[in-house]
Protein backbone atom coordinates (compact mmCIF):
# COMPACT_ATOMS: atom_id res chain seq x y z
CA MET A 1 71.83 163.23 214.58
CA GLY A 2 70.17 162.41 211.30
CA ALA A 3 71.78 160.93 208.21
CA ALA A 4 72.68 164.30 206.73
CA GLY A 5 74.24 165.55 209.95
CA LYS A 6 71.14 167.46 211.02
CA GLU A 7 69.43 166.85 214.33
CA VAL A 8 65.95 165.37 214.05
CA THR A 9 63.48 166.73 216.60
CA LYS A 10 60.70 164.54 217.91
CA THR A 11 57.41 165.33 219.60
CA ALA A 12 56.55 164.36 223.17
CA ALA A 13 55.13 161.05 221.93
CA GLY A 14 58.49 160.21 220.38
CA LYS A 15 57.28 160.54 216.80
CA GLU A 16 58.58 162.90 214.19
CA PRO A 17 56.23 165.81 213.52
CA ARG A 18 53.91 165.32 210.55
CA LYS A 19 54.62 167.44 207.55
CA ALA A 20 51.90 168.44 205.14
CA SER A 21 52.14 166.54 201.91
CA LYS A 22 51.68 168.18 198.55
CA SER A 23 48.36 166.37 198.13
CA GLY A 24 46.52 168.99 200.20
CA GLU A 25 46.73 167.36 203.62
CA GLY A 26 47.73 170.70 205.17
CA ALA A 27 44.64 172.33 203.73
CA TRP A 28 42.47 169.55 205.17
CA VAL A 29 43.96 170.05 208.65
CA LYS A 30 43.42 173.82 208.42
CA THR A 31 39.83 173.25 207.32
CA GLN A 32 39.21 170.97 210.30
CA GLN A 33 40.74 173.53 212.67
CA TYR A 34 38.58 176.26 211.16
CA PHE A 35 35.35 174.33 211.68
CA ARG A 36 36.37 173.35 215.21
CA SER A 37 36.92 177.01 216.07
CA VAL A 38 33.61 177.95 214.43
CA TRP A 39 31.81 175.30 216.50
CA THR A 40 33.51 176.61 219.67
CA GLU A 41 32.27 180.13 218.92
CA VAL A 42 28.75 178.93 218.10
CA LYS A 43 28.56 177.25 221.50
CA LYS A 44 29.32 180.63 223.13
CA VAL A 45 26.36 182.36 221.45
CA HIS A 46 23.37 183.29 223.64
CA TRP A 47 20.44 181.81 221.74
CA PRO A 48 17.04 183.43 222.48
CA THR A 49 14.23 181.38 223.93
CA ARG A 50 11.05 180.69 221.98
CA SER A 51 9.16 183.44 223.81
CA GLU A 52 11.96 185.97 223.22
CA THR A 53 11.97 185.09 219.53
CA THR A 54 8.19 185.58 219.37
CA VAL A 55 8.47 189.00 221.02
CA TYR A 56 11.33 190.08 218.74
CA THR A 57 9.38 188.95 215.67
CA GLY A 58 6.32 190.90 216.83
CA VAL A 59 8.44 194.02 217.32
CA VAL A 60 9.87 193.69 213.80
CA PHE A 61 6.40 193.24 212.24
CA LEU A 62 4.98 196.19 214.18
CA THR A 63 7.91 198.40 213.17
CA VAL A 64 7.56 197.43 209.50
CA ILE A 65 3.82 198.19 209.59
CA ILE A 66 4.36 201.59 211.27
CA VAL A 67 7.11 202.62 208.84
CA GLY A 68 5.01 201.42 205.90
CA LEU A 69 2.02 203.45 207.10
CA LEU A 70 4.16 206.56 207.58
CA MET A 71 5.60 206.21 204.08
CA TRP A 72 2.10 205.74 202.63
CA ILE A 73 0.81 208.83 204.46
CA PHE A 74 3.72 211.03 203.34
CA ASP A 75 3.48 209.69 199.78
CA SER A 76 -0.26 210.42 199.69
CA ILE A 77 0.25 213.95 200.99
CA LEU A 78 3.07 214.69 198.54
CA SER A 79 1.07 213.21 195.66
CA PHE A 80 -1.93 215.36 196.57
CA PHE A 81 0.14 218.56 196.57
CA LEU A 82 1.96 217.58 193.37
CA ASN A 83 -1.38 216.99 191.63
CA LEU A 84 -2.56 220.45 192.80
CA ILE A 85 0.60 222.07 191.42
CA LEU A 86 0.50 220.28 188.07
CA LYS A 87 -3.22 220.99 187.39
């Protein structure tokens, strides 16, 4: 029993559990735990190979070009008809 009549619990190593001080030590421990868990999740990510990345980039560029061309065509057609109506 402790000095005030309360039982003091100890960890398996025989030491008293650490308590977070008011100086922000608890926040530091939480920050470390957060970044450890982030690193664990990053290691689980399936990263694409260089060739996969090249193919994906090509698909994105091709899609952007096709959508851009379609928008240009529709804009040109609508502009043509609008000019006919306004003249």
